[in-house]
């Protein structure tokens, strides 16, 4: 049985900035929670994971805005 060729579907338009902002806000909320309820010493890396998520999100916002201007 031979497979029939179908054209690729059109890409879905999404709001990339809103998606990145929601993810960055989630990391920020997690960071605030961890700063209020201090994790055990062996889990201090959780705080830095949240910081990295926030920094990555801010970089993503900058990148998407720069990419859209081009």
N, C-alpha and C. Protein backbone atom coordinates (compact mmCIF):
# COMPACT_ATOMS: atom_id res chain seq x y z
N UNK A 1 0.84 -1.18 0.00
CA UNK A 1 0.00 0.00 0.00
C UNK A 1 0.89 1.25 0.00
N UNK A 2 0.66 2.11 -0.91
CA UNK A 2 1.47 3.31 -1.07
C UNK A 2 0.87 4.47 -0.28
N UNK A 3 1.74 5.19 0.42
CA UNK A 3 1.28 6.35 1.18
C UNK A 3 1.03 7.51 0.24
N UNK A 4 -0.05 8.23 0.49
CA UNK A 4 -0.35 9.40 -0.32
C UNK A 4 0.34 10.62 0.28
N UNK A 5 0.81 11.48 -0.59
CA UNK A 5 1.46 12.70 -0.15
C UNK A 5 0.42 13.76 0.16
N UNK A 6 0.57 14.40 1.33
CA UNK A 6 -0.30 15.50 1.71
C UNK A 6 0.58 16.71 2.00
N UNK A 7 0.16 17.90 1.62
CA UNK A 7 0.96 19.08 1.91
C UNK A 7 1.01 19.34 3.42
N UNK A 8 2.09 19.96 3.86
CA UNK A 8 2.21 20.28 5.28
C UNK A 8 1.15 21.30 5.66
N UNK A 9 0.59 21.18 6.85
CA UNK A 9 -0.40 22.18 7.28
C UNK A 9 0.28 23.52 7.57
N UNK A 10 -0.49 24.56 7.50
CA UNK A 10 0.03 25.90 7.80
C UNK A 10 0.37 25.97 9.30
N UNK A 11 1.44 26.70 9.64
CA UNK A 11 1.77 26.84 11.06
C UNK A 11 0.68 27.58 11.82
N UNK A 12 0.52 27.24 13.06
CA UNK A 12 -0.48 27.89 13.91
C UNK A 12 0.12 29.19 14.44
N UNK A 13 -0.65 30.26 14.36
CA UNK A 13 -0.21 31.54 14.92
C UNK A 13 -0.39 31.48 16.43
N UNK A 14 0.66 31.78 17.16
CA UNK A 14 0.60 31.79 18.62
C UNK A 14 1.14 33.10 19.15
N UNK A 15 0.81 33.39 20.38
CA UNK A 15 1.33 34.56 21.05
C UNK A 15 2.54 34.10 21.87
N UNK A 16 3.70 34.13 21.25
CA UNK A 16 4.91 33.63 21.90
C UNK A 16 5.27 34.42 23.15
N UNK A 17 5.09 35.73 23.10
CA UNK A 17 5.44 36.55 24.25
C UNK A 17 4.58 36.21 25.46
N UNK A 18 3.29 36.01 25.26
CA UNK A 18 2.42 35.66 26.38
C UNK A 18 2.82 34.32 26.98
N UNK A 19 3.16 33.38 26.14
CA UNK A 19 3.58 32.07 26.62
C UNK A 19 4.84 32.18 27.47
N UNK A 20 5.80 32.96 27.01
CA UNK A 20 7.05 33.12 27.75
C UNK A 20 6.80 33.87 29.05
N UNK A 21 5.95 34.90 29.02
CA UNK A 21 5.65 35.64 30.24
C UNK A 21 4.98 34.75 31.28
N UNK A 22 4.08 33.88 30.87
CA UNK A 22 3.42 32.98 31.82
C UNK A 22 4.45 32.04 32.46
N UNK A 23 5.35 31.49 31.64
CA UNK A 23 6.37 30.60 32.18
C UNK A 23 7.32 31.32 33.12
N UNK A 24 7.71 32.54 32.76
CA UNK A 24 8.60 33.32 33.61
C UNK A 24 7.91 33.67 34.92
N UNK A 25 6.64 34.02 34.85
CA UNK A 25 5.88 34.33 36.07
C UNK A 25 5.78 33.09 36.97
N UNK A 26 5.61 31.92 36.37
CA UNK A 26 5.54 30.69 37.17
C UNK A 26 6.86 30.45 37.91
N UNK A 27 7.99 30.68 37.23
CA UNK A 27 9.29 30.55 37.89
C UNK A 27 9.43 31.58 39.01
N UNK A 28 8.94 32.79 38.78
CA UNK A 28 9.04 33.84 39.80
C UNK A 28 8.20 33.48 41.03
N UNK A 29 7.01 32.95 40.81
CA UNK A 29 6.16 32.53 41.93
C UNK A 29 6.83 31.41 42.70
N UNK A 30 7.41 30.47 41.98
CA UNK A 30 8.12 29.37 42.65
C UNK A 30 9.29 29.91 43.47
N UNK A 31 10.01 30.89 42.93
CA UNK A 31 11.14 31.48 43.65
C UNK A 31 10.67 32.16 44.93
N UNK A 32 9.60 32.94 44.85
CA UNK A 32 9.07 33.60 46.04
C UNK A 32 8.65 32.57 47.09
N UNK A 33 7.99 31.51 46.65
CA UNK A 33 7.58 30.45 47.59
C UNK A 33 8.79 29.81 48.26
N UNK A 34 9.84 29.57 47.49
CA UNK A 34 11.04 28.96 48.06
C UNK A 34 11.77 29.91 48.99
N UNK A 35 11.70 31.20 48.74
CA UNK A 35 12.33 32.16 49.63
C UNK A 35 11.55 32.30 50.93
N UNK A 36 10.23 32.11 50.87
CA UNK A 36 9.41 32.17 52.08
C UNK A 36 9.55 30.88 52.89
N UNK A 37 9.39 29.76 52.22
CA UNK A 37 9.49 28.44 52.86
C UNK A 37 10.84 27.84 52.49
N UNK A 38 11.86 28.18 53.23
CA UNK A 38 13.23 27.75 52.91
C UNK A 38 13.32 26.23 52.75
N UNK A 39 13.86 25.77 51.62
CA UNK A 39 14.04 24.33 51.45
C UNK A 39 15.20 23.83 52.33
N UNK A 40 15.26 22.53 52.49
CA UNK A 40 16.35 21.93 53.26
C UNK A 40 17.68 22.27 52.57
N UNK A 41 18.78 22.28 53.33
CA UNK A 41 20.08 22.65 52.74
C UNK A 41 20.46 21.83 51.50
N UNK A 42 20.08 20.58 51.45
CA UNK A 42 20.44 19.77 50.27
C UNK A 42 19.58 20.11 49.05
N UNK A 43 18.57 20.97 49.25
CA UNK A 43 17.69 21.36 48.14
C UNK A 43 17.81 22.84 47.80
N UNK A 44 18.90 23.48 48.20
CA UNK A 44 19.09 24.89 47.87
C UNK A 44 19.22 25.12 46.37
N UNK A 45 19.57 24.10 45.63
CA UNK A 45 19.68 24.23 44.17
C UNK A 45 18.33 24.56 43.54
N UNK A 46 17.23 24.27 44.24
CA UNK A 46 15.90 24.61 43.71
C UNK A 46 15.78 26.12 43.50
N UNK A 47 16.34 26.89 44.44
CA UNK A 47 16.28 28.34 44.32
C UNK A 47 17.00 28.79 43.05
N UNK A 48 18.17 28.24 42.81
CA UNK A 48 18.95 28.63 41.64
C UNK A 48 18.31 28.15 40.34
N UNK A 49 17.56 27.06 40.42
CA UNK A 49 16.82 26.61 39.24
C UNK A 49 15.75 27.63 38.87
N UNK A 50 15.08 28.17 39.88
CA UNK A 50 14.07 29.21 39.63
C UNK A 50 14.72 30.47 39.06
N UNK A 51 15.85 30.86 39.60
CA UNK A 51 16.56 32.03 39.08
C UNK A 51 16.93 31.80 37.62
N UNK A 52 17.44 30.62 37.31
CA UNK A 52 17.80 30.31 35.93
C UNK A 52 16.56 30.34 35.02
N UNK A 53 15.42 29.87 35.51
CA UNK A 53 14.19 29.92 34.72
C UNK A 53 13.75 31.33 34.44
N UNK A 54 13.89 32.21 35.42
CA UNK A 54 13.52 33.62 35.23
C UNK A 54 14.46 34.29 34.23
N UNK A 55 15.76 34.06 34.40
CA UNK A 55 16.73 34.64 33.47
C UNK A 55 16.49 34.12 32.04
N UNK A 56 16.23 32.82 31.93
CA UNK A 56 15.95 32.25 30.61
C UNK A 56 14.69 32.83 30.00
N UNK A 57 13.67 33.06 30.82
CA UNK A 57 12.45 33.67 30.32
C UNK A 57 12.65 35.09 29.85
N UNK A 58 13.42 35.87 30.60
CA UNK A 58 13.70 37.25 30.20
C UNK A 58 14.51 37.28 28.91
N UNK A 59 15.45 36.36 28.79
CA UNK A 59 16.19 36.25 27.53
C UNK A 59 15.24 35.89 26.39
N UNK A 60 14.31 34.97 26.66
CA UNK A 60 13.35 34.57 25.62
C UNK A 60 12.48 35.72 25.17
N UNK A 61 12.03 36.57 26.10
CA UNK A 61 11.25 37.75 25.73
C UNK A 61 12.07 38.68 24.85
N UNK A 62 13.30 38.93 25.25
CA UNK A 62 14.18 39.79 24.45
C UNK A 62 14.38 39.20 23.05
N UNK A 63 14.62 37.91 22.98
CA UNK A 63 14.89 37.25 21.71
C UNK A 63 13.68 37.30 20.79
N UNK A 64 12.50 37.02 21.34
CA UNK A 64 11.28 37.02 20.51
C UNK A 64 10.98 38.42 20.00
N UNK A 65 11.14 39.43 20.85
CA UNK A 65 10.91 40.80 20.40
C UNK A 65 11.90 41.19 19.31
N UNK A 66 13.15 40.81 19.48
CA UNK A 66 14.18 41.13 18.48
C UNK A 66 13.89 40.39 17.17
N UNK A 67 13.47 39.13 17.27
CA UNK A 67 13.19 38.32 16.09
C UNK A 67 12.00 38.90 15.31
N UNK A 68 10.98 39.38 16.02
CA UNK A 68 9.80 39.92 15.35
C UNK A 68 10.08 41.22 14.64
N UNK A 69 11.04 42.00 15.14
CA UNK A 69 11.40 43.26 14.49
C UNK A 69 12.08 43.04 13.15
N UNK A 70 12.72 41.90 13.01
CA UNK A 70 13.49 41.61 11.77
C UNK A 70 12.57 41.31 10.61
